[in-house]
Protein backbone atom coordinates (compact mmCIF):
# COMPACT_ATOMS: atom_id res chain seq x y z
CA MET A 1 18.45 200.80 64.43
CA ARG A 2 21.71 202.38 63.28
CA LEU A 3 21.61 203.58 59.70
CA TYR A 4 24.36 203.06 57.12
CA ALA A 5 23.27 204.87 53.96
CA LEU A 6 24.31 203.40 50.61
CA CYS A 7 24.62 206.14 48.00
CA ASP A 8 24.55 204.40 44.62
CA ALA A 9 25.38 206.75 41.73
CA ASP A 10 23.41 204.73 39.17
CA THR A 11 20.27 204.83 41.31
CA LEU A 12 20.58 208.59 41.84
CA ARG A 13 21.09 209.15 38.11
CA GLU A 14 18.09 206.95 37.18
CA ARG A 15 15.86 208.97 39.50
CA GLY A 16 17.26 212.37 38.55
CA LEU A 17 18.53 213.04 42.07
CA ASP A 18 21.75 214.60 43.26
CA LEU A 19 24.22 213.97 46.07
CA SER A 20 22.95 216.81 48.23
CA LEU A 21 19.39 215.42 48.28
CA PHE A 22 20.76 212.02 49.34
CA VAL A 23 22.90 213.56 52.10
CA ASN A 24 19.93 215.63 53.34
CA ARG A 25 17.81 212.48 53.52
CA ALA A 26 20.58 210.54 55.30
CA ASN A 27 20.96 213.38 57.81
CA ALA A 28 17.21 213.56 58.40
CA LEU A 29 17.16 209.84 59.23
CA GLY A 30 20.22 210.02 61.52
CA ALA A 31 22.61 208.00 59.37
CA GLU A 32 26.06 207.41 60.85
CA VAL A 33 27.76 206.25 57.65
CA ILE A 34 27.46 206.95 53.93
CA GLN A 35 29.03 204.53 51.49
CA TYR A 36 29.46 205.89 47.98
CA ARG A 37 29.19 203.32 45.19
CA ASN A 38 29.80 204.21 41.56
CA LYS A 39 30.43 201.21 39.32
CA HIS A 40 30.40 202.99 35.95
CA ALA A 41 32.17 206.36 36.19
CA ASP A 42 35.85 206.93 35.63
CA ILE A 43 38.08 207.45 38.64
CA ALA A 44 38.19 211.24 38.23
CA ALA A 45 34.38 211.48 38.41
CA VAL A 46 34.26 209.20 41.46
CA LYS A 47 36.93 211.34 43.14
CA ALA A 48 34.97 214.53 42.38
CA ASP A 49 31.82 213.01 43.90
CA LEU A 50 33.76 211.96 47.02
CA ILE A 51 35.06 215.49 47.43
CA THR A 52 31.50 216.80 47.12
CA LEU A 53 30.21 214.25 49.62
CA ARG A 54 32.96 215.12 52.08
CA ARG A 55 31.93 218.77 51.85
CA LEU A 56 28.26 217.89 52.46
CA TRP A 57 28.65 215.06 54.99
CA ASP A 58 30.22 215.18 58.46
CA GLY A 59 29.75 211.50 59.33
CA PHE A 60 31.80 208.51 58.26
CA LEU A 61 32.30 208.38 54.49
CA ILE A 62 33.21 205.06 52.88
CA ILE A 63 34.13 204.39 49.25
CA ASN A 64 33.03 201.17 47.61
CA ASP A 65 35.83 199.27 45.84
CA HIS A 66 38.01 202.23 44.80
CA TYR A 67 40.52 201.89 47.63
CA GLU A 68 42.95 204.13 45.76
CA LEU A 69 40.59 206.98 46.73
CA ALA A 70 40.86 206.28 50.47
CA PRO A 71 42.65 209.62 51.10
CA PHE A 72 39.35 211.37 50.25
CA CYS A 73 37.22 209.49 52.79
CA ASP A 74 37.26 207.55 56.06
CA GLY A 75 37.54 204.05 54.65
CA VAL A 76 36.76 201.46 52.04
CA HIS A 77 34.27 198.66 51.55
CA ILE A 78 35.26 195.79 49.28
CA GLY A 79 33.58 192.67 48.05
CA GLN A 80 34.87 189.11 48.18
CA GLU A 81 36.03 189.20 44.56
CA ASP A 82 37.86 192.49 45.19
CA LEU A 83 39.66 191.04 48.21
CA TYR A 84 40.83 187.98 46.27
CA ALA A 85 41.81 190.14 43.28
CA ILE A 86 44.36 191.82 45.55
CA HIS A 87 45.81 188.44 46.57
CA GLY A 88 44.57 184.84 46.63
CA ASP A 89 45.27 184.62 50.36
CA PRO A 90 42.75 186.82 52.23
CA PHE A 91 45.23 187.55 55.05
CA LYS A 92 47.86 188.78 52.60
CA ALA A 93 45.21 190.66 50.61
CA LEU A 94 44.07 192.55 53.70
CA LYS A 95 47.65 193.33 54.68
CA ILE A 96 48.28 194.77 51.20
CA LEU A 97 45.02 196.72 51.38
CA LYS A 98 45.92 198.19 54.78
CA LEU A 99 49.34 199.21 53.48
CA SER A 100 47.63 200.91 50.54
CA VAL A 101 44.89 202.79 52.42
CA GLY A 102 46.61 203.37 55.75
CA SER A 103 46.08 201.86 59.16
CA ASP A 104 43.71 204.65 60.25
CA LYS A 105 41.08 203.84 57.60
CA ILE A 106 37.90 201.82 58.16
CA ILE A 107 37.75 198.57 56.20
CA GLY A 108 34.55 196.67 55.56
CA LEU A 109 34.11 193.40 53.67
CA SER A 110 31.00 191.94 52.05
CA THR A 111 30.04 188.46 53.23
CA HIS A 112 27.25 186.15 52.14
CA ASN A 113 27.40 182.96 54.20
CA GLU A 114 28.81 181.20 57.27
CA ARG A 115 32.11 180.29 55.55
CA GLU A 116 32.84 183.89 54.57
CA ILE A 117 31.95 185.07 58.10
CA ALA A 118 34.37 182.48 59.55
CA ILE A 119 37.19 183.79 57.32
CA ALA A 120 36.28 187.41 58.10
CA ASN A 121 36.47 186.60 61.83
CA GLU A 122 40.19 185.93 61.34
CA LEU A 123 40.78 189.22 59.49
CA ASP A 124 41.49 192.65 60.98
CA LEU A 125 38.32 194.36 59.73
CA ASN A 126 36.17 197.09 61.19
CA TYR A 127 32.87 195.54 60.08
CA VAL A 128 31.31 193.10 57.63
CA GLY A 129 28.40 193.59 55.29
CA LEU A 130 26.12 190.53 55.23
CA GLY A 131 23.40 189.78 52.74
CA ALA A 132 21.34 189.97 50.77
CA TYR A 133 18.43 190.11 53.17
CA ARG A 134 15.93 190.56 50.31
CA ALA A 135 16.21 190.65 46.54
CA THR A 136 17.16 194.03 45.10
CA SER A 137 17.31 195.55 41.65
CA THR A 138 20.91 196.73 42.10
CA LYS A 139 22.28 193.26 42.94
CA ALA A 140 20.02 190.86 41.05
CA GLU A 141 22.55 188.02 41.30
CA ALA A 142 22.71 188.13 45.13
CA LYS A 143 21.60 185.06 47.06
CA VAL A 144 18.79 186.03 49.43
CA LEU A 145 19.38 185.01 53.06
CA GLY A 146 16.07 186.20 54.46
CA LYS A 147 15.54 185.34 58.12
CA LYS A 148 18.81 183.31 58.15
CA LEU A 149 20.75 186.59 57.99
CA ASP A 150 20.36 187.28 61.71
CA ALA A 151 21.54 183.78 62.70
CA ILE A 152 24.59 184.12 60.44
CA ALA A 153 25.25 187.62 61.86
CA ALA A 154 25.41 186.07 65.33
CA LEU A 155 28.53 184.16 64.19
CA SER A 156 30.47 187.35 63.40
CA LYS A 157 33.00 188.83 65.80
CA HIS A 158 32.82 192.08 63.82
CA PRO A 159 29.88 194.50 63.76
CA VAL A 160 27.49 193.42 61.00
CA ALA A 161 25.85 195.68 58.45
CA ALA A 162 22.78 193.98 56.95
CA ILE A 163 22.67 194.61 53.20
CA GLY A 164 20.30 193.98 50.34
CA GLY A 165 16.70 195.11 50.47
CA VAL A 166 16.84 196.15 54.13
CA LYS A 167 14.09 198.52 55.25
CA LEU A 168 14.04 201.11 58.02
CA ASP A 169 11.58 199.08 60.11
CA ASP A 170 13.32 195.69 59.81
CA THR A 171 14.41 194.25 63.15
CA PHE A 172 17.45 192.10 63.89
CA GLN A 173 19.08 190.88 67.09
CA HIS A 174 22.67 190.53 65.84
CA VAL A 175 22.99 193.33 63.31
CA THR A 176 24.62 196.67 64.10
CA TYR A 177 23.72 198.62 60.94
CA HIS A 178 20.83 198.66 58.51
CA VAL A 179 22.36 199.39 55.08
CA ILE A 180 19.71 201.17 53.06
CA GLY A 181 20.19 202.67 49.63
CA SER A 182 17.29 203.17 47.27
CA GLY A 183 14.88 202.75 50.18
CA LEU A 184 16.05 206.10 51.54
CA ILE A 185 15.00 207.89 48.39
CA SER A 186 11.99 205.86 47.34
CA ASN A 187 8.86 207.82 46.62
CA GLU A 188 7.20 206.93 49.91
CA ASN A 189 10.31 207.61 52.01
CA ALA A 190 11.54 210.76 50.26
CA LYS A 191 8.48 212.80 51.26
């Protein structure tokens, strides 16, 4: 299992935890990637957190959605709606995104089904997120794929990061990364 740690600012705030505790936990579990997601702070606060994370974390650091902050990290992860907000044509949208963030940055895209994987296969991405594997409190609207996730992952030409309710002991055949957020800092795992 390769770990991709999802650091969600709202979850940390709800639990009274800070970035350094999250990074320590990610390090202890051998995470390769941290994605920082902050849906409610202004851009200055997100930038400040990225700078803090970069100071604390030596691995790959990815920002969720805020691709304008790519200079402060190693790459960006965007959702389907974010891609199409850039341009209605996903190929043109990705080209615009790459021009904005730079060709040396990692780009990941959320996917949820076979059709989105097929489109992603034609795009110049570094990886895709696929899910949700299970229901989660942070993405209540997500469609749960369950055991179908691994079969859909097999269709991807890009490395797949399983998202949504993934646990450390879940096993997959066609998934590269386990994306785990609140599970890293849950009461039973944070001990």
